[in-house]
Structure formats: C-alpha cells, structure tokens
Amino acid sequence: MRDGRSFKEVAKGIRITEESLAPTPKLSTDKSWTITFVYAYTQKVKQLNLWREIVSLKPANNYPWLMLGDFNNICSMNEKVGGSLDTSSAMRIFNKFIDDCEVVSMAATGVPFTWCNGHHDNTIIYERLDRALANPSWMRLFPNSELQKLPIVRSDHGPIFLKCNQLSRKIPKAFKFEAMWLAHKDFDQVVAQVWNCSYVGNAAQQLQTCYNKFKHQLKNWNRSVFGDCYERTTITQENLVLIQEQLAQNPFDPFLLDQDFKLNTELKLLLEQEEVFYAQRARANWLQLGDKNTKYFHTQALIRRKRNQILRVRDLNGL
C-alpha cells in the first residue's frame, strides 16, 4: 500500500490479502498465474476504494490474472429479478472497474443467479453477485476452463465452481464399509440375513464365504437404497438447478417454491451423508468437534489415496 498499510488493513469487511496475490501451483501448464479473492462491501458507496485498490494490483505485462469471489454487484439488469431497479449508477461503476482491470466476466453455466434474499413471496430477489473475472492471458492459458453456478442451498449465496479441466489419473475403487449404512433402519436385517446362514467347509472357508457373500449383499443393498452417493447428489442438484431457473422466470409460483424447498431439504440430507462418507475416508473425527467442512474431508481423503498409491517398485538391486 502507498500509505504503508497491509492489504489486510484496507478496510473492515474487505478481504484482500497478500497471500491471495501469490502465483498458484502450475497445475496442468508450465506457467504460473495470479489469483485474487474478493469479498466486497454490500454498501455501494464503500466499494469505490476497493475498486481502486484492485485496479492498482493489475499485473504488469498482461500477466495471467484471475479474480474470484463475491463482488456484490451485477453487470446488467439481466442479472437481477425483483427488488429495486435503480441500480444503473452502481452497475456503471462496476463495469468501468472491469474495463479498467482489462478483464472479462467469465460466462457460466448452471442456475442464472448466485444470491437470493430467501423470501417466499412477492418480495423475493435474485441476483448474480458471485463471478470470476479473467484477463485474456489467463483465458489463453486455460482455454477449456468452465465456470459453473451451483444451486443456492444452506445459504443466501450459491457457490461458483471453476474447472480448469486438468486430466487426472483414475484409481480403481476398493470395497469399503460405509459408516452411513449404520444409521439406516434396515441395516441390521441385511447383516442378519447373511450371518445367520450355514456355510460348508472348515472355519476359515466358512468365514471367507460368509465375508464374500456379505460384501456382495452390501453392494447390492447400497446400490438399491443409497445408490451412488455422488450421482444422487448430482441429480438432485441438477433438479434444483432446473427449479431455480424456472423460479427466475416465475419467482412467486407456489408450486416452484414448494419444489425448491423439498429439493433443498433432500440435498441437505445427501450432503450430510456425503460428509460422513468423506469423513470416514479421511479417518478424521472433526465432525464430533463441530467442523462439518466436506472440502476438508475430501482433501484428506485425496491425500490418503495419494499416499497409498504404488507408482513404482524397486528390486533387490535397487532398480
């Protein structure tokens, strides 16, 4: 900062840190790039200093630059439904900020809006406040990048998901006992059906046969009752996207509002099951401590999976 302050001291409620300006890992390219995370004031008058501050951060020589976050502004009236229509001044200032940064607002798929005031009557408001802004160098670096606006659930904001389309190596999945099965009312019956049967052979053979049958039975039961956890979450999320897209056109339709509520409830349940799913794989007990961060559990599971990979073997000669 010109006056000696750190970015963290710019103003209360504005989150720009020096760390957010550091080059990212190289990902699928041999070049680095800069990302800036933004959370703007809701009050338009307080945003002016923030826009000036970010413009001053513009990298030299058209270095690849991406901005991501909640800008608390719309770019056009197509990005808003309901509420006051007197937003022309703030919209004009925000678009000038985008031009001054020499970036573009990335096109996105998914639901039309990323924020809702949560009302269920004629005072409901939808807006696209969250977005990704990228300069041409970043767009050329990741020509196949995709930005997705996910449904609004559990919050007044819907998350945005940016994919740089890296290729990943798929690893075969091993059978694992799922902790979420224990909470289902029919689980004890599934166990009893297998373990109360008679098997031939010696004790070890009987145990192995019982185990194989139990595993097969659990797989079939899991498929019919739970289905693929990720797939069910995805399908429910897609249905919620369709409903919220229709709500954008008919925000006061009672049927659509009811469907939005039901799908929100179902998606919350599926997300809770997903948390248990990833918590088990991470071998972490943070849920008991109140931390329900699926991203943390997912990251820990990926770390464990990477640690358990066998990429190469060495013989007695060290080769």
C-alpha atoms as a PDB file:
ATOM      1  CA  MET A   1       0.000   0.000   0.000  1.00  0.00           C
ATOM      2  CA  ARG A   2       1.193   3.533  -0.754  1.00  0.00           C
ATOM      3  CA  ASP A   3       0.409   4.684   2.789  1.00  0.00           C
ATOM      4  CA  GLY A   4       2.199   1.731   4.365  1.00  0.00           C
ATOM      5  CA  ARG A   5      -0.830  -0.329   5.340  1.00  0.00           C
ATOM      6  CA  SER A   6      -1.055  -4.050   4.562  1.00  0.00           C
ATOM      7  CA  PHE A   7      -3.878  -5.284   2.390  1.00  0.00           C
ATOM      8  CA  LYS A   8      -5.491  -6.794   5.478  1.00  0.00           C
ATOM      9  CA  GLU A   9      -5.795  -3.278   6.909  1.00  0.00           C
ATOM     10  CA  VAL A  10      -7.503  -1.702   3.903  1.00  0.00           C
ATOM     11  CA  ALA A  11     -10.961  -1.674   5.464  1.00  0.00           C
ATOM     12  CA  LYS A  12     -13.188  -3.765   7.638  1.00  0.00           C
ATOM     13  CA  GLY A  13     -15.160  -6.218   5.536  1.00  0.00           C
ATOM     14  CA  ILE A  14     -12.793  -6.197   2.550  1.00  0.00           C
ATOM     15  CA  ARG A  15     -10.775  -9.370   2.282  1.00  0.00           C
ATOM     16  CA  ILE A  16      -7.707  -8.898   0.121  1.00  0.00           C
ATOM     17  CA  THR A  17      -4.550 -10.469   1.447  1.00  0.00           C
ATOM     18  CA  GLU A  18      -1.020 -10.611   0.204  1.00  0.00           C
ATOM     19  CA  GLU A  19      -1.335 -14.385   0.100  1.00  0.00           C
ATOM     20  CA  SER A  20      -4.225 -14.117  -2.337  1.00  0.00           C
ATOM     21  CA  LEU A  21      -1.934 -12.458  -4.857  1.00  0.00           C
ATOM     22  CA  ALA A  22       0.724 -15.177  -4.898  1.00  0.00           C
ATOM     23  CA  PRO A  23       1.215 -17.285  -8.033  1.00  0.00           C
ATOM     24  CA  THR A  24      -0.690 -20.554  -7.921  1.00  0.00           C
ATOM     25  CA  PRO A  25       0.771 -24.031  -8.449  1.00  0.00           C
ATOM     26  CA  LYS A  26       1.491 -24.751 -12.067  1.00  0.00           C
ATOM     27  CA  LEU A  27      -1.439 -27.204 -12.435  1.00  0.00           C
ATOM     28  CA  SER A  28      -1.571 -28.629 -15.966  1.00  0.00           C
ATOM     29  CA  THR A  29       0.573 -25.940 -17.555  1.00  0.00           C
ATOM     30  CA  ASP A  30       4.226 -24.967 -17.270  1.00  0.00           C
ATOM     31  CA  LYS A  31       3.274 -21.367 -16.457  1.00  0.00           C
ATOM     32  CA  SER A  32       2.225 -19.725 -13.203  1.00  0.00           C
ATOM     33  CA  TRP A  33      -0.582 -17.216 -12.755  1.00  0.00           C
ATOM     34  CA  THR A  34      -2.053 -14.907 -10.140  1.00  0.00           C
ATOM     35  CA  ILE A  35      -5.418 -15.222  -8.409  1.00  0.00           C
ATOM     36  CA  THR A  36      -7.121 -12.558  -6.289  1.00  0.00           C
ATOM     37  CA  PHE A  37     -10.003 -13.480  -3.998  1.00  0.00           C
ATOM     38  CA  VAL A  38     -12.545 -10.709  -3.463  1.00  0.00           C
ATOM     39  CA  TYR A  39     -15.299 -10.109  -0.939  1.00  0.00           C
ATOM     40  CA  ALA A  40     -16.826  -6.669  -1.444  1.00  0.00           C
ATOM     41  CA  TYR A  41     -18.889  -4.438   0.816  1.00  0.00           C
ATOM     42  CA  THR A  42     -22.639  -4.634   0.326  1.00  0.00           C
ATOM     43  CA  GLN A  43     -22.800  -0.823   0.596  1.00  0.00           C
ATOM     44  CA  LYS A  44     -22.103   0.601  -2.858  1.00  0.00           C
ATOM     45  CA  VAL A  45     -20.508   3.814  -1.575  1.00  0.00           C
ATOM     46  CA  LYS A  46     -17.861   1.817   0.308  1.00  0.00           C
ATOM     47  CA  GLN A  47     -16.885  -0.165  -2.798  1.00  0.00           C
ATOM     48  CA  LEU A  48     -15.159   2.722  -4.593  1.00  0.00           C
ATOM     49  CA  ASN A  49     -11.905   2.424  -2.631  1.00  0.00           C
ATOM     50  CA  LEU A  50     -11.919  -1.337  -3.141  1.00  0.00           C
ATOM     51  CA  TRP A  51     -12.208  -0.998  -6.915  1.00  0.00           C
ATOM     52  CA  ARG A  52      -9.328   1.486  -6.972  1.00  0.00           C
ATOM     53  CA  GLU A  53      -7.251  -0.827  -4.792  1.00  0.00           C
ATOM     54  CA  ILE A  54      -7.806  -3.826  -7.050  1.00  0.00           C
ATOM     55  CA  VAL A  55      -7.062  -1.826 -10.210  1.00  0.00           C
ATOM     56  CA  SER A  56      -3.693  -0.937  -8.670  1.00  0.00           C
ATOM     57  CA  LEU A  57      -2.978  -4.665  -8.327  1.00  0.00           C
ATOM     58  CA  LYS A  58      -3.292  -5.296 -12.059  1.00  0.00           C
ATOM     59  CA  PRO A  59      -0.231  -7.359 -13.072  1.00  0.00           C
ATOM     60  CA  ALA A  60       2.263  -5.853 -15.472  1.00  0.00           C
ATOM     61  CA  ASN A  61       2.897  -7.182 -18.978  1.00  0.00           C
ATOM     62  CA  ASN A  62      -0.555  -8.743 -19.147  1.00  0.00           C
ATOM     63  CA  TYR A  63       0.467 -11.496 -16.697  1.00  0.00           C
ATOM     64  CA  PRO A  64      -2.296 -14.163 -16.362  1.00  0.00           C
ATOM     65  CA  TRP A  65      -4.727 -12.914 -13.721  1.00  0.00           C
ATOM     66  CA  LEU A  66      -7.951 -14.313 -12.287  1.00  0.00           C
ATOM     67  CA  MET A  67     -10.295 -12.692  -9.773  1.00  0.00           C
ATOM     68  CA  LEU A  68     -12.820 -14.820  -7.960  1.00  0.00           C
ATOM     69  CA  GLY A  69     -15.439 -14.069  -5.347  1.00  0.00           C
ATOM     70  CA  ASP A  70     -18.465 -12.101  -4.221  1.00  0.00           C
ATOM     71  CA  PHE A  71     -18.353  -8.694  -5.901  1.00  0.00           C
ATOM     72  CA  ASN A  72     -21.804  -7.688  -4.605  1.00  0.00           C
ATOM     73  CA  ASN A  73     -22.664  -6.136  -7.980  1.00  0.00           C
ATOM     74  CA  ILE A  74     -24.411  -7.019 -11.203  1.00  0.00           C
ATOM     75  CA  CYS A  75     -23.150  -6.242 -14.708  1.00  0.00           C
ATOM     76  CA  SER A  76     -26.566  -5.860 -16.352  1.00  0.00           C
ATOM     77  CA  MET A  77     -30.262  -5.915 -15.474  1.00  0.00           C
ATOM     78  CA  ASN A  78     -30.420  -9.452 -16.892  1.00  0.00           C
ATOM     79  CA  GLU A  79     -28.576 -10.495 -13.743  1.00  0.00           C
ATOM     80  CA  LYS A  80     -31.395  -9.429 -11.415  1.00  0.00           C
ATOM     81  CA  VAL A  81     -35.038 -10.334 -10.753  1.00  0.00           C
ATOM     82  CA  GLY A  82     -37.219  -8.490  -8.237  1.00  0.00           C
ATOM     83  CA  GLY A  83     -36.394  -5.620  -5.873  1.00  0.00           C
ATOM     84  CA  SER A  84     -35.410  -2.091  -6.835  1.00  0.00           C
ATOM     85  CA  LEU A  85     -34.454  -1.416 -10.443  1.00  0.00           C
ATOM     86  CA  ASP A  86     -32.461   1.705  -9.524  1.00  0.00           C
ATOM     87  CA  THR A  87     -29.022   0.113  -9.894  1.00  0.00           C
ATOM     88  CA  SER A  88     -27.738   1.908 -13.005  1.00  0.00           C
ATOM     89  CA  SER A  89     -25.123   4.032 -11.200  1.00  0.00           C
ATOM     90  CA  ALA A  90     -23.504   1.144  -9.258  1.00  0.00           C
ATOM     91  CA  MET A  91     -23.688  -1.062 -12.335  1.00  0.00           C
ATOM     92  CA  ARG A  92     -21.948   1.570 -14.457  1.00  0.00           C
ATOM     93  CA  ILE A  93     -19.176   1.982 -11.855  1.00  0.00           C
ATOM     94  CA  PHE A  94     -18.684  -1.791 -11.601  1.00  0.00           C
ATOM     95  CA  ASN A  95     -18.469  -2.200 -15.381  1.00  0.00           C
ATOM     96  CA  LYS A  96     -15.907   0.617 -15.526  1.00  0.00           C
ATOM     97  CA  PHE A  97     -13.887  -1.224 -12.851  1.00  0.00           C
ATOM     98  CA  ILE A  98     -13.951  -4.367 -15.044  1.00  0.00           C
ATOM     99  CA  ASP A  99     -12.777  -2.348 -18.041  1.00  0.00           C
ATOM    100  CA  ASP A 100     -10.007  -0.670 -16.027  1.00  0.00           C
ATOM    101  CA  CYS A 101      -8.741  -4.081 -14.903  1.00  0.00           C
ATOM    102  CA  GLU A 102      -8.811  -5.262 -18.541  1.00  0.00           C
ATOM    103  CA  VAL A 103     -10.657  -8.436 -17.574  1.00  0.00           C
ATOM    104  CA  VAL A 104     -13.910 -10.055 -18.635  1.00  0.00           C
ATOM    105  CA  SER A 105     -16.649 -11.663 -16.610  1.00  0.00           C
ATOM    106  CA  MET A 106     -16.482 -15.354 -17.464  1.00  0.00           C
ATOM    107  CA  ALA A 107     -19.616 -16.931 -18.885  1.00  0.00           C
ATOM    108  CA  ALA A 108     -21.100 -19.548 -16.601  1.00  0.00           C
ATOM    109  CA  THR A 109     -23.488 -22.476 -16.775  1.00  0.00           C
ATOM    110  CA  GLY A 110     -25.955 -23.585 -14.108  1.00  0.00           C
ATOM    111  CA  VAL A 111     -28.543 -21.520 -12.296  1.00  0.00           C
ATOM    112  CA  PRO A 112     -28.991 -17.913 -13.524  1.00  0.00           C
ATOM    113  CA  PHE A 113     -28.308 -16.274 -10.142  1.00  0.00           C
ATOM    114  CA  THR A 114     -25.945 -16.768  -7.200  1.00  0.00           C
ATOM    115  CA  TRP A 115     -27.809 -14.889  -4.454  1.00  0.00           C
ATOM    116  CA  CYS A 116     -31.369 -14.829  -3.104  1.00  0.00           C
ATOM    117  CA  ASN A 117     -32.835 -12.955  -0.157  1.00  0.00           C
ATOM    118  CA  GLY A 118     -34.668 -16.138   0.891  1.00  0.00           C
ATOM    119  CA  HIS A 119     -38.178 -14.672   0.781  1.00  0.00           C
ATOM    120  CA  HIS A 120     -41.104 -16.764  -0.414  1.00  0.00           C
ATOM    121  CA  ASP A 121     -43.458 -14.032  -1.521  1.00  0.00           C
ATOM    122  CA  ASN A 122     -43.524 -11.097  -3.945  1.00  0.00           C
ATOM    123  CA  THR A 123     -40.528  -9.514  -2.165  1.00  0.00           C
ATOM    124  CA  ILE A 124     -38.153 -12.235  -3.374  1.00  0.00           C
ATOM    125  CA  ILE A 125     -34.944 -11.024  -5.086  1.00  0.00           C
ATOM    126  CA  TYR A 126     -32.408 -12.931  -7.197  1.00  0.00           C
ATOM    127  CA  GLU A 127     -29.043 -11.535  -8.328  1.00  0.00           C
ATOM    128  CA  ARG A 128     -25.777 -12.755  -9.820  1.00  0.00           C
ATOM    129  CA  LEU A 129     -23.260 -11.327  -7.343  1.00  0.00           C
ATOM    130  CA  ASP A 130     -20.558 -14.007  -7.457  1.00  0.00           C
ATOM    131  CA  ARG A 131     -18.371 -14.354 -10.529  1.00  0.00           C
ATOM    132  CA  ALA A 132     -14.918 -14.939 -11.998  1.00  0.00           C
ATOM    133  CA  LEU A 133     -13.071 -12.171 -13.828  1.00  0.00           C
ATOM    134  CA  ALA A 134     -10.121 -13.135 -16.023  1.00  0.00           C
ATOM    135  CA  ASN A 135      -7.769 -11.304 -18.342  1.00  0.00           C
ATOM    136  CA  PRO A 136      -7.043 -12.568 -21.878  1.00  0.00           C
ATOM    137  CA  SER A 137      -3.713 -14.138 -20.851  1.00  0.00           C
ATOM    138  CA  TRP A 138      -5.442 -16.321 -18.260  1.00  0.00           C
ATOM    139  CA  MET A 139      -8.146 -17.286 -20.754  1.00  0.00           C
ATOM    140  CA  ARG A 140      -5.470 -18.364 -23.230  1.00  0.00           C
ATOM    141  CA  LEU A 141      -3.679 -20.304 -20.510  1.00  0.00           C
ATOM    142  CA  PHE A 142      -6.851 -22.259 -19.712  1.00  0.00           C
ATOM    143  CA  PRO A 143      -8.901 -22.235 -22.941  1.00  0.00           C
ATOM    144  CA  ASN A 144     -11.082 -25.134 -21.748  1.00  0.00           C
ATOM    145  CA  SER A 145     -11.901 -23.705 -18.332  1.00  0.00           C
ATOM    146  CA  GLU A 146     -15.534 -23.888 -17.201  1.00  0.00           C
ATOM    147  CA  LEU A 147     -17.366 -21.805 -14.606  1.00  0.00           C
ATOM    148  CA  GLN A 148     -20.494 -23.270 -13.045  1.00  0.00           C
ATOM    149  CA  LYS A 149     -23.059 -21.568 -10.804  1.00  0.00           C
ATOM    150  CA  LEU A 150     -24.346 -24.151  -8.333  1.00  0.00           C
ATOM    151  CA  PRO A 151     -27.800 -24.065  -6.674  1.00  0.00           C
ATOM    152  CA  ILE A 152     -28.483 -21.834  -3.709  1.00  0.00           C
ATOM    153  CA  VAL A 153     -28.750 -24.146  -0.692  1.00  0.00           C
ATOM    154  CA  ARG A 154     -27.872 -23.783   3.012  1.00  0.00           C
ATOM    155  CA  SER A 155     -27.087 -20.090   2.458  1.00  0.00           C
ATOM    156  CA  ASP A 156     -28.298 -16.971   0.691  1.00  0.00           C
ATOM    157  CA  HIS A 157     -25.449 -17.473  -1.806  1.00  0.00           C
ATOM    158  CA  GLY A 158     -24.921 -20.311  -4.253  1.00  0.00           C
ATOM    159  CA  PRO A 159     -21.291 -21.382  -4.749  1.00  0.00           C
ATOM    160  CA  ILE A 160     -19.435 -20.981  -8.023  1.00  0.00           C
ATOM    161  CA  PHE A 161     -17.216 -23.793  -9.261  1.00  0.00           C
ATOM    162  CA  LEU A 162     -14.312 -23.175 -11.630  1.00  0.00           C
ATOM    163  CA  LYS A 163     -12.821 -26.136 -13.502  1.00  0.00           C
ATOM    164  CA  CYS A 164      -9.532 -25.810 -15.353  1.00  0.00           C
ATOM    165  CA  ASN A 165     -10.122 -29.245 -16.930  1.00  0.00           C
ATOM    166  CA  GLN A 166      -6.975 -31.000 -15.852  1.00  0.00           C
ATOM    167  CA  LEU A 167      -6.529 -34.642 -16.699  1.00  0.00           C
ATOM    168  CA  SER A 168      -6.442 -36.879 -13.657  1.00  0.00           C
ATOM    169  CA  ARG A 169      -5.372 -40.469 -13.241  1.00  0.00           C
ATOM    170  CA  LYS A 170      -8.299 -42.650 -12.176  1.00  0.00           C
ATOM    171  CA  ILE A 171      -7.642 -45.219  -9.467  1.00  0.00           C
ATOM    172  CA  PRO A 172      -9.782 -48.370  -9.121  1.00  0.00           C
ATOM    173  CA  LYS A 173     -12.106 -48.196  -6.133  1.00  0.00           C
ATOM    174  CA  ALA A 174     -11.829 -50.860  -3.425  1.00  0.00           C
ATOM    175  CA  PHE A 175     -14.810 -52.079  -1.438  1.00  0.00           C
ATOM    176  CA  LYS A 176     -15.203 -50.129   1.785  1.00  0.00           C
ATOM    177  CA  PHE A 177     -17.666 -50.377   4.628  1.00  0.00           C
ATOM    178  CA  GLU A 178     -19.646 -47.121   4.785  1.00  0.00           C
ATOM    179  CA  ALA A 179     -20.347 -45.581   8.185  1.00  0.00           C
ATOM    180  CA  MET A 180     -23.579 -44.040   6.842  1.00  0.00           C
ATOM    181  CA  TRP A 181     -25.053 -47.559   6.478  1.00  0.00           C
ATOM    182  CA  LEU A 182     -25.188 -47.900  10.271  1.00  0.00           C
ATOM    183  CA  ALA A 183     -27.809 -45.139  10.505  1.00  0.00           C
ATOM    184  CA  HIS A 184     -30.256 -46.921   8.173  1.00  0.00           C
ATOM    185  CA  LYS A 185     -33.136 -48.818   9.804  1.00  0.00           C
ATOM    186  CA  ASP A 186     -32.737 -51.893   7.554  1.00  0.00           C
ATOM    187  CA  PHE A 187     -29.010 -52.399   8.070  1.00  0.00           C
ATOM    188  CA  ASP A 188     -29.324 -54.886  10.961  1.00  0.00           C
ATOM    189  CA  GLN A 189     -31.669 -57.019   8.871  1.00  0.00           C
ATOM    190  CA  VAL A 190     -29.202 -57.105   5.966  1.00  0.00           C
ATOM    191  CA  VAL A 191     -26.456 -58.268   8.336  1.00  0.00           C
ATOM    192  CA  ALA A 192     -28.670 -60.950   9.914  1.00  0.00           C
ATOM    193  CA  GLN A 193     -29.686 -62.395   6.536  1.00  0.00           C
ATOM    194  CA  VAL A 194     -26.052 -63.127   5.679  1.00  0.00           C
ATOM    195  CA  TRP A 195     -24.507 -64.089   9.006  1.00  0.00           C
ATOM    196  CA  ASN A 196     -27.336 -66.438  10.083  1.00  0.00           C
ATOM    197  CA  CYS A 197     -26.864 -68.691   7.053  1.00  0.00           C
ATOM    198  CA  SER A 198     -24.980 -72.017   7.104  1.00  0.00           C
ATOM    199  CA  TYR A 199     -21.796 -72.445   5.058  1.00  0.00           C
ATOM    200  CA  VAL A 200     -19.731 -75.507   4.121  1.00  0.00           C
ATOM    201  CA  GLY A 201     -16.012 -76.113   4.651  1.00  0.00           C
ATOM    202  CA  ASN A 202     -13.712 -75.556   7.587  1.00  0.00           C
ATOM    203  CA  ALA A 203     -13.962 -72.494   9.824  1.00  0.00           C
ATOM    204  CA  ALA A 204     -11.672 -70.370   7.675  1.00  0.00           C
ATOM    205  CA  GLN A 205     -13.509 -71.316   4.473  1.00  0.00           C
ATOM    206  CA  GLN A 206     -16.893 -70.635   6.065  1.00  0.00           C
ATOM    207  CA  LEU A 207     -15.715 -67.234   7.246  1.00  0.00           C
ATOM    208  CA  GLN A 208     -14.341 -66.357   3.806  1.00  0.00           C
ATOM    209  CA  THR A 209     -17.555 -67.470   2.070  1.00  0.00           C
ATOM    210  CA  CYS A 210     -19.649 -65.511   4.551  1.00  0.00           C
ATOM    211  CA  TYR A 211     -17.475 -62.439   4.072  1.00  0.00           C
ATOM    212  CA  ASN A 212     -17.708 -62.611   0.257  1.00  0.00           C
ATOM    213  CA  LYS A 213     -21.486 -63.012   0.409  1.00  0.00           C
ATOM    214  CA  PHE A 214     -21.774 -60.199   2.936  1.00  0.00           C
ATOM    215  CA  LYS A 215     -19.747 -57.895   0.695  1.00  0.00           C
ATOM    216  CA  HIS A 216     -21.861 -58.792  -2.349  1.00  0.00           C
ATOM    217  CA  GLN A 217     -25.087 -58.311  -0.380  1.00  0.00           C
ATOM    218  CA  LEU A 218     -23.972 -54.931   0.954  1.00  0.00           C
ATOM    219  CA  LYS A 219     -23.018 -53.726  -2.524  1.00  0.00           C
ATOM    220  CA  ASN A 220     -26.459 -54.628  -3.909  1.00  0.00           C
ATOM    221  CA  TRP A 221     -28.234 -53.142  -0.890  1.00  0.00           C
ATOM    222  CA  ASN A 222     -26.190 -49.944  -1.072  1.00  0.00           C
ATOM    223  CA  ARG A 223     -26.941 -49.617  -4.792  1.00  0.00           C
ATOM    224  CA  SER A 224     -30.699 -50.048  -4.312  1.00  0.00           C
ATOM    225  CA  VAL A 225     -31.095 -47.960  -1.138  1.00  0.00           C
ATOM    226  CA  PHE A 226     -28.417 -45.281  -1.356  1.00  0.00           C
ATOM    227  CA  GLY A 227     -27.362 -45.501  -4.981  1.00  0.00           C
ATOM    228  CA  ASP A 228     -24.161 -43.758  -5.924  1.00  0.00           C
ATOM    229  CA  CYS A 229     -23.792 -41.015  -3.307  1.00  0.00           C
ATOM    230  CA  TYR A 230     -22.160 -38.585  -5.699  1.00  0.00           C
ATOM    231  CA  GLU A 231     -24.573 -39.401  -8.530  1.00  0.00           C
ATOM    232  CA  ARG A 232     -27.654 -38.887  -6.340  1.00  0.00           C
ATOM    233  CA  THR A 233     -26.282 -35.588  -5.093  1.00  0.00           C
ATOM    234  CA  THR A 234     -25.566 -34.538  -8.672  1.00  0.00           C
ATOM    235  CA  ILE A 235     -29.056 -35.488  -9.903  1.00  0.00           C
ATOM    236  CA  THR A 236     -30.756 -33.696  -7.003  1.00  0.00           C
ATOM    237  CA  GLN A 237     -28.559 -30.674  -7.590  1.00  0.00           C
ATOM    238  CA  GLU A 238     -29.435 -30.667 -11.300  1.00  0.00           C
ATOM    239  CA  ASN A 239     -33.148 -30.835 -10.459  1.00  0.00           C
ATOM    240  CA  LEU A 240     -32.689 -27.934  -8.066  1.00  0.00           C
ATOM    241  CA  VAL A 241     -30.943 -26.002 -10.839  1.00  0.00           C
ATOM    242  CA  LEU A 242     -33.960 -26.537 -13.127  1.00  0.00           C
ATOM    243  CA  ILE A 243     -36.382 -25.385 -10.433  1.00  0.00           C
ATOM    244  CA  GLN A 244     -34.328 -22.302  -9.576  1.00  0.00           C
ATOM    245  CA  GLU A 245     -34.019 -21.455 -13.277  1.00  0.00           C
ATOM    246  CA  GLN A 246     -37.820 -21.573 -13.531  1.00  0.00           C
ATOM    247  CA  LEU A 247     -38.121 -19.542 -10.334  1.00  0.00           C
ATOM    248  CA  ALA A 248     -36.029 -16.872 -12.003  1.00  0.00           C
ATOM    249  CA  GLN A 249     -38.835 -16.527 -14.564  1.00  0.00           C
ATOM    250  CA  ASN A 250     -41.731 -17.099 -12.136  1.00  0.00           C
ATOM    251  CA  PRO A 251     -40.403 -16.173  -8.668  1.00  0.00           C
ATOM    252  CA  PHE A 252     -43.808 -16.240  -6.975  1.00  0.00           C
ATOM    253  CA  ASP A 253     -45.093 -19.582  -8.330  1.00  0.00           C
ATOM    254  CA  PRO A 254     -46.248 -21.620  -5.259  1.00  0.00           C
ATOM    255  CA  PHE A 255     -45.505 -24.992  -6.909  1.00  0.00           C
ATOM    256  CA  LEU A 256     -41.943 -23.987  -7.804  1.00  0.00           C
ATOM    257  CA  LEU A 257     -41.354 -22.550  -4.326  1.00  0.00           C
ATOM    258  CA  ASP A 258     -42.580 -25.818  -2.799  1.00  0.00           C
ATOM    259  CA  GLN A 259     -40.322 -27.881  -5.092  1.00  0.00           C
ATOM    260  CA  ASP A 260     -37.387 -25.628  -4.232  1.00  0.00           C
ATOM    261  CA  PHE A 261     -37.993 -26.264  -0.526  1.00  0.00           C
ATOM    262  CA  LYS A 262     -38.304 -30.056  -0.965  1.00  0.00           C
ATOM    263  CA  LEU A 263     -35.187 -30.324  -3.143  1.00  0.00           C
ATOM    264  CA  ASN A 264     -33.248 -28.125  -0.726  1.00  0.00           C
ATOM    265  CA  THR A 265     -34.232 -30.475   2.110  1.00  0.00           C
ATOM    266  CA  GLU A 266     -33.256 -33.563   0.104  1.00  0.00           C
ATOM    267  CA  LEU A 267     -29.947 -32.045  -0.972  1.00  0.00           C
ATOM    268  CA  LYS A 268     -29.082 -31.117   2.618  1.00  0.00           C
ATOM    269  CA  LEU A 269     -29.628 -34.766   3.652  1.00  0.00           C
ATOM    270  CA  LEU A 270     -27.463 -36.023   0.792  1.00  0.00           C
ATOM    271  CA  LEU A 271     -24.725 -33.532   1.649  1.00  0.00           C
ATOM    272  CA  GLU A 272     -24.779 -34.759   5.256  1.00  0.00           C
ATOM    273  CA  GLN A 273     -24.363 -38.342   4.015  1.00  0.00           C
ATOM    274  CA  GLU A 274     -21.502 -37.120   1.824  1.00  0.00           C
ATOM    275  CA  GLU A 275     -19.824 -35.571   4.862  1.00  0.00           C
ATOM    276  CA  VAL A 276     -19.961 -38.912   6.677  1.00  0.00           C
ATOM    277  CA  PHE A 277     -18.695 -40.627   3.526  1.00  0.00           C
ATOM    278  CA  TYR A 278     -15.616 -38.406   3.222  1.00  0.00           C
ATOM    279  CA  ALA A 279     -15.045 -38.168   6.984  1.00  0.00           C
ATOM    280  CA  GLN A 280     -14.675 -41.953   7.109  1.00  0.00           C
ATOM    281  CA  ARG A 281     -12.165 -41.942   4.270  1.00  0.00           C
ATOM    282  CA  ALA A 282     -10.194 -39.162   5.886  1.00  0.00           C
ATOM    283  CA  ARG A 283     -10.127 -41.096   9.166  1.00  0.00           C
ATOM    284  CA  ALA A 284     -10.842 -37.815  10.901  1.00  0.00           C
ATOM    285  CA  ASN A 285     -13.179 -37.104  13.810  1.00  0.00           C
ATOM    286  CA  TRP A 286     -13.709 -33.405  13.221  1.00  0.00           C
ATOM    287  CA  LEU A 287     -17.472 -33.869  12.870  1.00  0.00           C
ATOM    288  CA  GLN A 288     -17.574 -34.585  16.598  1.00  0.00           C
ATOM    289  CA  LEU A 289     -15.768 -31.282  17.140  1.00  0.00           C
ATOM    290  CA  GLY A 290     -18.331 -29.379  15.090  1.00  0.00           C
ATOM    291  CA  ASP A 291     -16.331 -28.898  11.877  1.00  0.00           C
ATOM    292  CA  LYS A 292     -18.567 -30.001   9.010  1.00  0.00           C
ATOM    293  CA  ASN A 293     -16.291 -28.962   6.173  1.00  0.00           C
ATOM    294  CA  THR A 294     -16.696 -31.525   3.385  1.00  0.00           C
ATOM    295  CA  LYS A 295     -13.866 -29.844   1.473  1.00  0.00           C
ATOM    296  CA  TYR A 296     -11.500 -30.648   4.363  1.00  0.00           C
ATOM    297  CA  PHE A 297     -12.573 -34.282   4.474  1.00  0.00           C
ATOM    298  CA  HIS A 298     -12.375 -34.606   0.698  1.00  0.00           C
ATOM    299  CA  THR A 299      -8.856 -33.170   0.708  1.00  0.00           C
ATOM    300  CA  GLN A 300      -7.776 -35.517   3.477  1.00  0.00           C
ATOM    301  CA  ALA A 301      -9.234 -38.478   1.573  1.00  0.00           C
ATOM    302  CA  LEU A 302      -7.329 -37.490  -1.565  1.00  0.00           C
ATOM    303  CA  ILE A 303      -4.121 -37.152   0.467  1.00  0.00           C
ATOM    304  CA  ARG A 304      -4.611 -40.633   1.917  1.00  0.00           C
ATOM    305  CA  ARG A 305      -5.357 -42.058  -1.512  1.00  0.00           C
ATOM    306  CA  LYS A 306      -2.222 -40.474  -2.962  1.00  0.00           C
ATOM    307  CA  ARG A 307      -0.138 -41.770  -0.053  1.00  0.00           C
ATOM    308  CA  ASN A 308      -1.476 -45.292  -0.610  1.00  0.00           C
ATOM    309  CA  GLN A 309      -0.622 -45.332  -4.322  1.00  0.00           C
ATOM    310  CA  ILE A 310       2.161 -47.628  -5.543  1.00  0.00           C
ATOM    311  CA  LEU A 311       3.664 -45.842  -8.512  1.00  0.00           C
ATOM    312  CA  ARG A 312       6.785 -47.995  -8.868  1.00  0.00           C
ATOM    313  CA  VAL A 313       8.593 -50.914  -7.207  1.00  0.00           C
ATOM    314  CA  ARG A 314      12.303 -51.481  -6.561  1.00  0.00           C
ATOM    315  CA  ASP A 315      14.031 -54.838  -6.795  1.00  0.00           C
ATOM    316  CA  LEU A 316      16.871 -56.159  -4.601  1.00  0.00           C
ATOM    317  CA  ASN A 317      19.417 -54.402  -6.802  1.00  0.00           C
ATOM    318  CA  GLY A 318      17.774 -51.064  -6.153  1.00  0.00           C
ATOM    319  CA  LEU A 319      16.373 -50.796  -9.695  1.00  0.00           C
END
